[in-house]
């Protein structure tokens, strides 16, 4: 199997140690309850991140259950490899996009699996590494790419980053991004203030963008940081997260063996809405338009929804891991 090549500098090595000590996978017990890992099973962790969920799956599928972990972030894969070293021979790590997991698995002669997990959103590694540009709590370049593998020549110049979006997009486009992907009610005002600021010079850092947003969003407008929705919107746009989720759900369902489970953890309403609607569509016996008098679609359900409502983290988990606060878990079983 294939592990993407990557390297960690001194800053990342120090961060790796800190993350390994504090990384807590979200809703892990619930994921294991739904997946029910078994010996000799093959499981996909489509967003392996730092390897916490993968480790739990491997522990619960001993002695010979296997995990294939996929992630766009080569730095995360390097940390996951360290975390999973005690399971040597039972896991493989692949640098890639879970939306293309069928192609990635085909290269390794894997055509069907016993369970799939998609843990969406930004990881602790990405949030806590300033130069990745994901966090409004750290000053760093406005990057926000999930995949940070160095790009050469024209590819590096054309790579879509948050900095490029903020500085090159029209006010109307920025407004649409903030409104569509961040559900930001001050989208138009923020886009206008961004336009004013960039007339004085390019907006290059997270700190610059935070200050611009703070000038527009009233302090009491939200319980969260005023830049939360803008940063979310830019990250989603830069990484085409919603498009990848739509594609990834269909691919995941196609790869599951009958009676196997798909678990999806979301962190905001846009993701959760997509998962909910896709599960509902796949669980229906008929997908004809509502006013069609007789069913003509010949649709057969492919999923059974296990979670009628999303599973939320307990108060205890949120106390131990505040980043779990907005997590929602939905699960469905392949028919």
C-alpha atoms as a PDB file:
ATOM      1  CA  UNK A   1       0.000   0.000   0.000  1.00  0.00           C
ATOM      2  CA  UNK A   2       0.963   3.613  -0.492  1.00  0.00           C
ATOM      3  CA  UNK A   3       1.911   6.370   1.962  1.00  0.00           C
ATOM      4  CA  UNK A   4       2.297   9.831   0.494  1.00  0.00           C
ATOM      5  CA  UNK A   5       5.711  11.346   0.902  1.00  0.00           C
ATOM      6  CA  UNK A   6       5.979  14.383   3.152  1.00  0.00           C
ATOM      7  CA  UNK A   7       8.291  16.003   5.634  1.00  0.00           C
ATOM      8  CA  UNK A   8       7.882  17.824   8.916  1.00  0.00           C
ATOM      9  CA  UNK A   9      10.106  20.723   9.941  1.00  0.00           C
ATOM     10  CA  UNK A  10      11.046  21.471  13.562  1.00  0.00           C
ATOM     11  CA  UNK A  11       7.897  23.537  14.158  1.00  0.00           C
ATOM     12  CA  UNK A  12       5.765  20.653  12.948  1.00  0.00           C
ATOM     13  CA  UNK A  13       7.652  18.079  15.016  1.00  0.00           C
ATOM     14  CA  UNK A  14       6.946  20.092  18.175  1.00  0.00           C
ATOM     15  CA  UNK A  15       3.322  20.485  17.141  1.00  0.00           C
ATOM     16  CA  UNK A  16       3.096  16.758  16.420  1.00  0.00           C
ATOM     17  CA  UNK A  17       4.096  15.925  19.997  1.00  0.00           C
ATOM     18  CA  UNK A  18       1.524  18.339  21.404  1.00  0.00           C
ATOM     19  CA  UNK A  19      -1.246  17.015  19.171  1.00  0.00           C
ATOM     20  CA  UNK A  20      -0.483  13.372  19.924  1.00  0.00           C
ATOM     21  CA  UNK A  21      -0.856  14.177  23.613  1.00  0.00           C
ATOM     22  CA  UNK A  22      -4.175  16.021  23.253  1.00  0.00           C
ATOM     23  CA  UNK A  23      -5.845  14.733  20.074  1.00  0.00           C
ATOM     24  CA  UNK A  24      -9.230  13.228  20.901  1.00  0.00           C
ATOM     25  CA  UNK A  25     -11.264  11.806  18.005  1.00  0.00           C
ATOM     26  CA  UNK A  26     -14.817  13.175  18.001  1.00  0.00           C
ATOM     27  CA  UNK A  27     -17.747  10.839  18.811  1.00  0.00           C
ATOM     28  CA  UNK A  28     -15.364   7.895  18.667  1.00  0.00           C
ATOM     29  CA  UNK A  29     -17.386   5.487  20.829  1.00  0.00           C
ATOM     30  CA  UNK A  30     -20.488   6.177  18.781  1.00  0.00           C
ATOM     31  CA  UNK A  31     -18.623   5.598  15.499  1.00  0.00           C
ATOM     32  CA  UNK A  32     -17.376   2.227  16.746  1.00  0.00           C
ATOM     33  CA  UNK A  33     -20.891   1.268  17.884  1.00  0.00           C
ATOM     34  CA  UNK A  34     -22.238   1.908  14.383  1.00  0.00           C
ATOM     35  CA  UNK A  35     -19.348   0.460  12.359  1.00  0.00           C
ATOM     36  CA  UNK A  36     -19.039  -2.636  14.561  1.00  0.00           C
ATOM     37  CA  UNK A  37     -15.497  -3.423  13.357  1.00  0.00           C
ATOM     38  CA  UNK A  38     -14.793  -7.125  13.000  1.00  0.00           C
ATOM     39  CA  UNK A  39     -11.710  -9.278  12.433  1.00  0.00           C
ATOM     40  CA  UNK A  40     -10.823  -9.631   8.758  1.00  0.00           C
ATOM     41  CA  UNK A  41     -12.916  -6.556   7.917  1.00  0.00           C
ATOM     42  CA  UNK A  42     -11.695  -3.750   5.659  1.00  0.00           C
ATOM     43  CA  UNK A  43     -12.606  -0.197   6.664  1.00  0.00           C
ATOM     44  CA  UNK A  44     -12.102   3.195   5.048  1.00  0.00           C
ATOM     45  CA  UNK A  45     -11.270   6.292   7.066  1.00  0.00           C
ATOM     46  CA  UNK A  46     -11.820   8.806   4.288  1.00  0.00           C
ATOM     47  CA  UNK A  47     -10.464  11.723   6.305  1.00  0.00           C
ATOM     48  CA  UNK A  48      -7.885   9.977   8.463  1.00  0.00           C
ATOM     49  CA  UNK A  49      -6.443  13.200   9.885  1.00  0.00           C
ATOM     50  CA  UNK A  50      -4.290  12.378  12.900  1.00  0.00           C
ATOM     51  CA  UNK A  51      -5.424   8.750  13.016  1.00  0.00           C
ATOM     52  CA  UNK A  52      -7.547   8.716  16.173  1.00  0.00           C
ATOM     53  CA  UNK A  53     -10.609   7.060  14.670  1.00  0.00           C
ATOM     54  CA  UNK A  54      -8.448   4.683  12.628  1.00  0.00           C
ATOM     55  CA  UNK A  55      -6.646   3.535  15.772  1.00  0.00           C
ATOM     56  CA  UNK A  56      -9.981   2.790  17.450  1.00  0.00           C
ATOM     57  CA  UNK A  57     -11.208   0.831  14.422  1.00  0.00           C
ATOM     58  CA  UNK A  58      -7.997  -1.197  14.345  1.00  0.00           C
ATOM     59  CA  UNK A  59      -8.192  -1.910  18.071  1.00  0.00           C
ATOM     60  CA  UNK A  60     -11.745  -3.152  17.711  1.00  0.00           C
ATOM     61  CA  UNK A  61     -11.092  -5.284  14.628  1.00  0.00           C
ATOM     62  CA  UNK A  62      -8.122  -7.218  16.023  1.00  0.00           C
ATOM     63  CA  UNK A  63      -6.326  -9.341  15.165  1.00  0.00           C
ATOM     64  CA  UNK A  64      -6.499  -8.825  11.398  1.00  0.00           C
ATOM     65  CA  UNK A  65      -9.008  -6.095  10.549  1.00  0.00           C
ATOM     66  CA  UNK A  66      -7.588  -3.482   8.174  1.00  0.00           C
ATOM     67  CA  UNK A  67      -7.974   0.268   7.721  1.00  0.00           C
ATOM     68  CA  UNK A  68      -7.246   2.290   4.611  1.00  0.00           C
ATOM     69  CA  UNK A  69      -6.816   5.931   5.586  1.00  0.00           C
ATOM     70  CA  UNK A  70      -7.168   8.707   3.021  1.00  0.00           C
ATOM     71  CA  UNK A  71      -6.300  12.375   3.469  1.00  0.00           C
ATOM     72  CA  UNK A  72      -5.365  15.362   1.336  1.00  0.00           C
ATOM     73  CA  UNK A  73      -2.966  16.615   4.000  1.00  0.00           C
ATOM     74  CA  UNK A  74       0.480  15.000   3.795  1.00  0.00           C
ATOM     75  CA  UNK A  75       1.461  16.442   7.183  1.00  0.00           C
ATOM     76  CA  UNK A  76      -1.535  14.760   8.809  1.00  0.00           C
ATOM     77  CA  UNK A  77      -0.616  11.467   7.140  1.00  0.00           C
ATOM     78  CA  UNK A  78       2.886  11.642   8.611  1.00  0.00           C
ATOM     79  CA  UNK A  79       1.421  12.046  12.108  1.00  0.00           C
ATOM     80  CA  UNK A  80      -1.157   9.312  11.507  1.00  0.00           C
ATOM     81  CA  UNK A  81       1.647   6.955  10.488  1.00  0.00           C
ATOM     82  CA  UNK A  82       3.361   7.529  13.833  1.00  0.00           C
ATOM     83  CA  UNK A  83       0.109   7.083  15.725  1.00  0.00           C
ATOM     84  CA  UNK A  84      -0.689   3.790  14.002  1.00  0.00           C
ATOM     85  CA  UNK A  85       2.803   2.268  14.133  1.00  0.00           C
ATOM     86  CA  UNK A  86       1.718  -0.461  16.574  1.00  0.00           C
ATOM     87  CA  UNK A  87      -0.739  -1.756  13.943  1.00  0.00           C
ATOM     88  CA  UNK A  88       1.963  -2.243  11.304  1.00  0.00           C
ATOM     89  CA  UNK A  89       0.762  -4.416   8.435  1.00  0.00           C
ATOM     90  CA  UNK A  90      -2.917  -3.711   9.100  1.00  0.00           C
ATOM     91  CA  UNK A  91      -3.255  -0.207   7.689  1.00  0.00           C
ATOM     92  CA  UNK A  92      -2.401   1.792   4.599  1.00  0.00           C
ATOM     93  CA  UNK A  93      -2.316   5.572   4.195  1.00  0.00           C
ATOM     94  CA  UNK A  94      -3.083   7.248   0.889  1.00  0.00           C
ATOM     95  CA  UNK A  95      -2.659  10.905  -0.042  1.00  0.00           C
ATOM     96  CA  UNK A  96      -5.809  11.807  -1.934  1.00  0.00           C
ATOM     97  CA  UNK A  97      -9.384  13.055  -1.909  1.00  0.00           C
ATOM     98  CA  UNK A  98     -12.115  10.852  -0.434  1.00  0.00           C
ATOM     99  CA  UNK A  99     -14.355  11.957  -3.318  1.00  0.00           C
ATOM    100  CA  UNK A 100     -12.100   9.786  -5.504  1.00  0.00           C
ATOM    101  CA  UNK A 101     -11.757   6.872  -3.095  1.00  0.00           C
ATOM    102  CA  UNK A 102     -13.050   4.388  -5.661  1.00  0.00           C
ATOM    103  CA  UNK A 103     -10.160   5.252  -7.988  1.00  0.00           C
ATOM    104  CA  UNK A 104      -7.648   5.253  -5.131  1.00  0.00           C
ATOM    105  CA  UNK A 105      -8.810   1.848  -3.886  1.00  0.00           C
ATOM    106  CA  UNK A 106      -8.920   0.381  -7.389  1.00  0.00           C
ATOM    107  CA  UNK A 107      -5.160   0.868  -7.583  1.00  0.00           C
ATOM    108  CA  UNK A 108      -4.853  -1.429  -4.570  1.00  0.00           C
ATOM    109  CA  UNK A 109      -7.370  -4.011  -5.795  1.00  0.00           C
ATOM    110  CA  UNK A 110      -9.968  -3.087  -3.152  1.00  0.00           C
ATOM    111  CA  UNK A 111     -13.491  -3.096  -4.605  1.00  0.00           C
ATOM    112  CA  UNK A 112     -15.794  -3.360  -1.570  1.00  0.00           C
ATOM    113  CA  UNK A 113     -15.413  -2.588   2.138  1.00  0.00           C
ATOM    114  CA  UNK A 114     -17.063  -3.353   5.485  1.00  0.00           C
ATOM    115  CA  UNK A 115     -17.494   0.221   6.692  1.00  0.00           C
ATOM    116  CA  UNK A 116     -16.616   3.836   5.909  1.00  0.00           C
ATOM    117  CA  UNK A 117     -16.091   6.907   8.095  1.00  0.00           C
ATOM    118  CA  UNK A 118     -16.003  10.505   6.869  1.00  0.00           C
ATOM    119  CA  UNK A 119     -15.011  12.961   9.612  1.00  0.00           C
ATOM    120  CA  UNK A 120     -15.421  16.298   7.863  1.00  0.00           C
ATOM    121  CA  UNK A 121     -14.037  19.730   8.588  1.00  0.00           C
ATOM    122  CA  UNK A 122     -10.688  21.135   9.596  1.00  0.00           C
ATOM    123  CA  UNK A 123      -8.333  19.149  11.842  1.00  0.00           C
ATOM    124  CA  UNK A 124      -6.530  20.131  15.027  1.00  0.00           C
ATOM    125  CA  UNK A 125      -3.263  20.059  13.086  1.00  0.00           C
ATOM    126  CA  UNK A 126      -4.545  22.539  10.535  1.00  0.00           C
ATOM    127  CA  UNK A 127      -6.105  24.857  13.114  1.00  0.00           C
ATOM    128  CA  UNK A 128      -3.043  24.866  15.351  1.00  0.00           C
ATOM    129  CA  UNK A 129      -0.474  25.423  12.600  1.00  0.00           C
ATOM    130  CA  UNK A 130      -0.372  29.207  11.962  1.00  0.00           C
ATOM    131  CA  UNK A 131       1.199  29.057   8.504  1.00  0.00           C
ATOM    132  CA  UNK A 132      -1.710  26.955   7.200  1.00  0.00           C
ATOM    133  CA  UNK A 133      -3.962  30.002   7.586  1.00  0.00           C
ATOM    134  CA  UNK A 134      -7.073  28.176   8.814  1.00  0.00           C
ATOM    135  CA  UNK A 135      -7.453  29.842  12.191  1.00  0.00           C
ATOM    136  CA  UNK A 136      -8.593  33.330  13.137  1.00  0.00           C
ATOM    137  CA  UNK A 137      -6.829  32.798  16.477  1.00  0.00           C
ATOM    138  CA  UNK A 138      -3.340  32.649  14.944  1.00  0.00           C
ATOM    139  CA  UNK A 139      -1.585  35.072  12.631  1.00  0.00           C
ATOM    140  CA  UNK A 140      -0.474  33.429   9.408  1.00  0.00           C
ATOM    141  CA  UNK A 141      -0.698  33.672   5.619  1.00  0.00           C
ATOM    142  CA  UNK A 142      -4.183  33.416   4.104  1.00  0.00           C
ATOM    143  CA  UNK A 143      -3.737  29.947   2.624  1.00  0.00           C
ATOM    144  CA  UNK A 144      -6.424  27.474   3.830  1.00  0.00           C
ATOM    145  CA  UNK A 145      -5.561  24.665   1.404  1.00  0.00           C
ATOM    146  CA  UNK A 146      -6.049  21.150   2.743  1.00  0.00           C
ATOM    147  CA  UNK A 147      -3.362  19.889   0.384  1.00  0.00           C
ATOM    148  CA  UNK A 148      -0.076  21.675   1.079  1.00  0.00           C
ATOM    149  CA  UNK A 149       2.235  19.595  -1.095  1.00  0.00           C
ATOM    150  CA  UNK A 150       4.649  22.026  -2.766  1.00  0.00           C
ATOM    151  CA  UNK A 151       3.583  23.017  -6.274  1.00  0.00           C
ATOM    152  CA  UNK A 152       6.034  23.951  -8.988  1.00  0.00           C
ATOM    153  CA  UNK A 153       6.054  26.543 -11.762  1.00  0.00           C
ATOM    154  CA  UNK A 154       2.717  27.701 -13.113  1.00  0.00           C
ATOM    155  CA  UNK A 155       0.830  25.329 -10.791  1.00  0.00           C
ATOM    156  CA  UNK A 156       2.120  27.244  -7.773  1.00  0.00           C
ATOM    157  CA  UNK A 157       1.091  30.555  -9.315  1.00  0.00           C
ATOM    158  CA  UNK A 158      -2.438  29.397 -10.132  1.00  0.00           C
ATOM    159  CA  UNK A 159      -3.110  27.394  -6.942  1.00  0.00           C
ATOM    160  CA  UNK A 160      -6.304  28.671  -5.329  1.00  0.00           C
ATOM    161  CA  UNK A 161      -5.689  30.056  -1.849  1.00  0.00           C
ATOM    162  CA  UNK A 162      -7.765  32.191   0.483  1.00  0.00           C
ATOM    163  CA  UNK A 163      -5.384  35.071  -0.254  1.00  0.00           C
ATOM    164  CA  UNK A 164      -6.102  34.818  -3.973  1.00  0.00           C
ATOM    165  CA  UNK A 165      -9.856  34.658  -3.369  1.00  0.00           C
ATOM    166  CA  UNK A 166      -9.865  37.644  -1.003  1.00  0.00           C
ATOM    167  CA  UNK A 167      -7.712  39.844  -3.219  1.00  0.00           C
ATOM    168  CA  UNK A 168      -8.856  38.871  -6.719  1.00  0.00           C
ATOM    169  CA  UNK A 169     -12.609  38.251  -6.393  1.00  0.00           C
ATOM    170  CA  UNK A 170     -15.176  40.932  -7.140  1.00  0.00           C
ATOM    171  CA  UNK A 171     -17.333  42.274  -4.341  1.00  0.00           C
ATOM    172  CA  UNK A 172     -20.310  40.342  -5.712  1.00  0.00           C
ATOM    173  CA  UNK A 173     -18.361  37.074  -5.793  1.00  0.00           C
ATOM    174  CA  UNK A 174     -17.055  37.592  -2.252  1.00  0.00           C
ATOM    175  CA  UNK A 175     -20.554  38.390  -1.052  1.00  0.00           C
ATOM    176  CA  UNK A 176     -21.834  35.165  -2.596  1.00  0.00           C
ATOM    177  CA  UNK A 177     -19.022  33.107  -1.051  1.00  0.00           C
ATOM    178  CA  UNK A 178     -19.559  34.543   2.439  1.00  0.00           C
ATOM    179  CA  UNK A 179     -23.330  34.155   2.194  1.00  0.00           C
ATOM    180  CA  UNK A 180     -23.461  30.740   0.517  1.00  0.00           C
ATOM    181  CA  UNK A 181     -20.700  28.930   2.410  1.00  0.00           C
ATOM    182  CA  UNK A 182     -20.666  30.880   5.664  1.00  0.00           C
ATOM    183  CA  UNK A 183     -24.339  31.785   5.959  1.00  0.00           C
ATOM    184  CA  UNK A 184     -22.977  35.189   6.981  1.00  0.00           C
ATOM    185  CA  UNK A 185     -25.744  37.810   7.286  1.00  0.00           C
ATOM    186  CA  UNK A 186     -23.219  40.647   7.012  1.00  0.00           C
ATOM    187  CA  UNK A 187     -21.742  39.179   3.804  1.00  0.00           C
ATOM    188  CA  UNK A 188     -22.268  42.236   1.610  1.00  0.00           C
ATOM    189  CA  UNK A 189     -20.886  44.668   4.181  1.00  0.00           C
ATOM    190  CA  UNK A 190     -17.821  42.494   4.841  1.00  0.00           C
ATOM    191  CA  UNK A 191     -17.128  42.119   1.112  1.00  0.00           C
ATOM    192  CA  UNK A 192     -17.371  45.888   0.710  1.00  0.00           C
ATOM    193  CA  UNK A 193     -14.961  46.508   3.575  1.00  0.00           C
ATOM    194  CA  UNK A 194     -12.549  43.926   2.117  1.00  0.00           C
ATOM    195  CA  UNK A 195     -12.654  45.824  -1.175  1.00  0.00           C
ATOM    196  CA  UNK A 196     -11.857  49.099   0.590  1.00  0.00           C
ATOM    197  CA  UNK A 197      -8.968  47.536   2.501  1.00  0.00           C
ATOM    198  CA  UNK A 198      -7.330  45.888  -0.518  1.00  0.00           C
ATOM    199  CA  UNK A 199      -7.240  49.251  -2.332  1.00  0.00           C
ATOM    200  CA  UNK A 200      -4.544  50.174   0.185  1.00  0.00           C
ATOM    201  CA  UNK A 201      -2.580  46.985  -0.473  1.00  0.00           C
ATOM    202  CA  UNK A 202      -3.060  43.209  -0.657  1.00  0.00           C
ATOM    203  CA  UNK A 203      -4.641  41.402   2.284  1.00  0.00           C
ATOM    204  CA  UNK A 204      -2.074  38.730   3.091  1.00  0.00           C
ATOM    205  CA  UNK A 205      -2.639  37.502   6.641  1.00  0.00           C
ATOM    206  CA  UNK A 206      -5.365  36.023   8.793  1.00  0.00           C
ATOM    207  CA  UNK A 207      -4.921  38.880  11.262  1.00  0.00           C
ATOM    208  CA  UNK A 208      -5.634  41.464   8.563  1.00  0.00           C
ATOM    209  CA  UNK A 209      -8.825  39.698   7.548  1.00  0.00           C
ATOM    210  CA  UNK A 210      -9.962  39.309  11.158  1.00  0.00           C
ATOM    211  CA  UNK A 211      -9.593  43.046  11.758  1.00  0.00           C
ATOM    212  CA  UNK A 212     -11.587  43.831   8.611  1.00  0.00           C
ATOM    213  CA  UNK A 213     -14.420  41.545   9.710  1.00  0.00           C
ATOM    214  CA  UNK A 214     -14.418  42.990  13.227  1.00  0.00           C
ATOM    215  CA  UNK A 215     -14.976  46.445  11.751  1.00  0.00           C
ATOM    216  CA  UNK A 216     -18.263  45.234  10.269  1.00  0.00           C
ATOM    217  CA  UNK A 217     -19.738  42.531  12.507  1.00  0.00           C
ATOM    218  CA  UNK A 218     -21.242  43.874  15.758  1.00  0.00           C
ATOM    219  CA  UNK A 219     -19.697  42.353  18.870  1.00  0.00           C
ATOM    220  CA  UNK A 220     -23.037  41.072  20.135  1.00  0.00           C
ATOM    221  CA  UNK A 221     -24.167  39.687  16.771  1.00  0.00           C
ATOM    222  CA  UNK A 222     -22.958  36.177  17.588  1.00  0.00           C
ATOM    223  CA  UNK A 223     -21.748  34.068  20.496  1.00  0.00           C
ATOM    224  CA  UNK A 224     -18.843  32.869  18.353  1.00  0.00           C
ATOM    225  CA  UNK A 225     -15.824  34.773  17.052  1.00  0.00           C
ATOM    226  CA  UNK A 226     -16.979  37.386  14.495  1.00  0.00           C
ATOM    227  CA  UNK A 227     -14.712  35.928  11.787  1.00  0.00           C
ATOM    228  CA  UNK A 228     -15.920  32.331  12.207  1.00  0.00           C
ATOM    229  CA  UNK A 229     -18.329  32.331   9.271  1.00  0.00           C
ATOM    230  CA  UNK A 230     -16.019  34.191   6.888  1.00  0.00           C
ATOM    231  CA  UNK A 231     -13.141  31.789   7.564  1.00  0.00           C
ATOM    232  CA  UNK A 232     -15.477  28.819   7.149  1.00  0.00           C
ATOM    233  CA  UNK A 233     -16.743  30.193   3.847  1.00  0.00           C
ATOM    234  CA  UNK A 234     -13.273  30.767   2.421  1.00  0.00           C
ATOM    235  CA  UNK A 235     -12.063  27.324   3.498  1.00  0.00           C
ATOM    236  CA  UNK A 236     -15.081  25.598   1.955  1.00  0.00           C
ATOM    237  CA  UNK A 237     -14.658  27.532  -1.299  1.00  0.00           C
ATOM    238  CA  UNK A 238     -10.891  27.032  -1.587  1.00  0.00           C
ATOM    239  CA  UNK A 239     -11.162  23.273  -1.052  1.00  0.00           C
ATOM    240  CA  UNK A 240     -14.484  22.694  -2.880  1.00  0.00           C
ATOM    241  CA  UNK A 241     -15.626  20.907   0.270  1.00  0.00           C
ATOM    242  CA  UNK A 242     -19.335  20.673  -0.479  1.00  0.00           C
ATOM    243  CA  UNK A 243     -18.784  19.423  -4.036  1.00  0.00           C
ATOM    244  CA  UNK A 244     -16.376  16.805  -2.703  1.00  0.00           C
ATOM    245  CA  UNK A 245     -18.886  15.757  -0.049  1.00  0.00           C
ATOM    246  CA  UNK A 246     -21.662  15.226  -2.606  1.00  0.00           C
ATOM    247  CA  UNK A 247     -19.364  13.139  -4.802  1.00  0.00           C
ATOM    248  CA  UNK A 248     -17.817  11.322  -1.839  1.00  0.00           C
ATOM    249  CA  UNK A 249     -21.150  10.172  -0.421  1.00  0.00           C
ATOM    250  CA  UNK A 250     -22.128   8.505  -3.685  1.00  0.00           C
ATOM    251  CA  UNK A 251     -18.740   6.848  -4.033  1.00  0.00           C
ATOM    252  CA  UNK A 252     -18.833   5.639  -0.425  1.00  0.00           C
ATOM    253  CA  UNK A 253     -22.283   4.103  -0.825  1.00  0.00           C
ATOM    254  CA  UNK A 254     -21.168   2.291  -3.975  1.00  0.00           C
ATOM    255  CA  UNK A 255     -18.176   0.753  -2.167  1.00  0.00           C
ATOM    256  CA  UNK A 256     -20.039  -0.601   0.865  1.00  0.00           C
ATOM    257  CA  UNK A 257     -20.836  -4.279   1.149  1.00  0.00           C
ATOM    258  CA  UNK A 258     -24.464  -5.132   2.016  1.00  0.00           C
ATOM    259  CA  UNK A 259     -25.270  -4.506   5.719  1.00  0.00           C
ATOM    260  CA  UNK A 260     -22.131  -2.383   6.089  1.00  0.00           C
ATOM    261  CA  UNK A 261     -22.270   1.079   7.640  1.00  0.00           C
ATOM    262  CA  UNK A 262     -21.393   4.606   6.502  1.00  0.00           C
ATOM    263  CA  UNK A 263     -20.734   7.137   9.292  1.00  0.00           C
ATOM    264  CA  UNK A 264     -20.426  10.857   8.555  1.00  0.00           C
ATOM    265  CA  UNK A 265     -19.442  13.488  11.124  1.00  0.00           C
ATOM    266  CA  UNK A 266     -20.278  17.065  10.138  1.00  0.00           C
ATOM    267  CA  UNK A 267     -19.470  20.369  11.821  1.00  0.00           C
ATOM    268  CA  UNK A 268     -21.844  22.875  10.253  1.00  0.00           C
ATOM    269  CA  UNK A 269     -25.359  22.972   8.852  1.00  0.00           C
ATOM    270  CA  UNK A 270     -24.324  23.018   5.180  1.00  0.00           C
ATOM    271  CA  UNK A 271     -22.538  19.672   5.487  1.00  0.00           C
ATOM    272  CA  UNK A 272     -25.218  18.139   7.678  1.00  0.00           C
ATOM    273  CA  UNK A 273     -27.969  19.167   5.262  1.00  0.00           C
ATOM    274  CA  UNK A 274     -26.202  17.460   2.353  1.00  0.00           C
ATOM    275  CA  UNK A 275     -25.691  14.228   4.321  1.00  0.00           C
ATOM    276  CA  UNK A 276     -29.262  14.219   5.631  1.00  0.00           C
ATOM    277  CA  UNK A 277     -30.806  14.741   2.197  1.00  0.00           C
ATOM    278  CA  UNK A 278     -28.563  12.178   0.498  1.00  0.00           C
ATOM    279  CA  UNK A 279     -29.358   9.550   3.108  1.00  0.00           C
ATOM    280  CA  UNK A 280     -33.078  10.296   2.791  1.00  0.00           C
ATOM    281  CA  UNK A 281     -32.977  10.054  -1.008  1.00  0.00           C
ATOM    282  CA  UNK A 282     -31.107   6.747  -0.924  1.00  0.00           C
ATOM    283  CA  UNK A 283     -33.527   5.341   1.667  1.00  0.00           C
ATOM    284  CA  UNK A 284     -36.682   6.176  -0.309  1.00  0.00           C
ATOM    285  CA  UNK A 285     -38.614   3.573  -2.263  1.00  0.00           C
ATOM    286  CA  UNK A 286     -39.818   6.254  -4.693  1.00  0.00           C
ATOM    287  CA  UNK A 287     -38.127   9.421  -5.947  1.00  0.00           C
ATOM    288  CA  UNK A 288     -40.813  10.539  -8.397  1.00  0.00           C
ATOM    289  CA  UNK A 289     -41.897  14.205  -8.247  1.00  0.00           C
ATOM    290  CA  UNK A 290     -44.435  14.744  -5.410  1.00  0.00           C
ATOM    291  CA  UNK A 291     -47.469  15.186  -7.712  1.00  0.00           C
ATOM    292  CA  UNK A 292     -46.809  12.085  -9.826  1.00  0.00           C
ATOM    293  CA  UNK A 293     -49.987   9.947  -9.407  1.00  0.00           C
ATOM    294  CA  UNK A 294     -48.265   6.604 -10.025  1.00  0.00           C
ATOM    295  CA  UNK A 295     -44.654   5.669  -9.306  1.00  0.00           C
ATOM    296  CA  UNK A 296     -42.687   5.355 -12.532  1.00  0.00           C
ATOM    297  CA  UNK A 297     -39.132   5.779 -11.205  1.00  0.00           C
ATOM    298  CA  UNK A 298     -38.517   2.091 -10.406  1.00  0.00           C
ATOM    299  CA  UNK A 299     -36.159   3.306  -7.698  1.00  0.00           C
ATOM    300  CA  UNK A 300     -34.952   0.818  -5.108  1.00  0.00           C
ATOM    301  CA  UNK A 301     -33.601   2.071  -1.769  1.00  0.00           C
ATOM    302  CA  UNK A 302     -29.878   1.524  -1.294  1.00  0.00           C
ATOM    303  CA  UNK A 303     -29.616   2.653   2.338  1.00  0.00           C
ATOM    304  CA  UNK A 304     -31.340   2.148   5.655  1.00  0.00           C
ATOM    305  CA  UNK A 305     -30.990   5.202   7.900  1.00  0.00           C
ATOM    306  CA  UNK A 306     -29.771   4.198  11.365  1.00  0.00           C
ATOM    307  CA  UNK A 307     -29.807   7.649  12.964  1.00  0.00           C
ATOM    308  CA  UNK A 308     -33.251   9.211  12.591  1.00  0.00           C
ATOM    309  CA  UNK A 309     -31.726  12.310  14.168  1.00  0.00           C
ATOM    310  CA  UNK A 310     -28.024  13.196  14.295  1.00  0.00           C
ATOM    311  CA  UNK A 311     -26.040  11.923  17.262  1.00  0.00           C
ATOM    312  CA  UNK A 312     -24.515  14.775  19.267  1.00  0.00           C
ATOM    313  CA  UNK A 313     -21.517  14.738  21.621  1.00  0.00           C
ATOM    314  CA  UNK A 314     -22.295  14.473  25.316  1.00  0.00           C
ATOM    315  CA  UNK A 315     -21.647  17.323  27.730  1.00  0.00           C
ATOM    316  CA  UNK A 316     -18.745  15.299  29.108  1.00  0.00           C
ATOM    317  CA  UNK A 317     -17.143  14.936  25.681  1.00  0.00           C
ATOM    318  CA  UNK A 318     -17.537  18.650  24.980  1.00  0.00           C
ATOM    319  CA  UNK A 319     -15.852  19.453  28.299  1.00  0.00           C
ATOM    320  CA  UNK A 320     -12.948  17.161  27.406  1.00  0.00           C
ATOM    321  CA  UNK A 321     -12.808  18.287  23.774  1.00  0.00           C
ATOM    322  CA  UNK A 322     -14.420  21.712  23.130  1.00  0.00           C
ATOM    323  CA  UNK A 323     -13.924  21.301  19.366  1.00  0.00           C
ATOM    324  CA  UNK A 324     -16.545  18.550  19.434  1.00  0.00           C
ATOM    325  CA  UNK A 325     -19.204  21.125  20.322  1.00  0.00           C
ATOM    326  CA  UNK A 326     -20.728  21.471  16.846  1.00  0.00           C
ATOM    327  CA  UNK A 327     -20.246  17.861  15.698  1.00  0.00           C
ATOM    328  CA  UNK A 328     -23.159  15.807  14.368  1.00  0.00           C
ATOM    329  CA  UNK A 329     -22.957  12.136  13.445  1.00  0.00           C
ATOM    330  CA  UNK A 330     -25.276  10.455  10.955  1.00  0.00           C
ATOM    331  CA  UNK A 331     -25.103   6.771  10.064  1.00  0.00           C
ATOM    332  CA  UNK A 332     -26.735   4.591   7.422  1.00  0.00           C
ATOM    333  CA  UNK A 333     -26.523   0.920   6.471  1.00  0.00           C
ATOM    334  CA  UNK A 334     -26.163  -0.412   2.925  1.00  0.00           C
ATOM    335  CA  UNK A 335     -29.057  -2.607   1.824  1.00  0.00           C
END
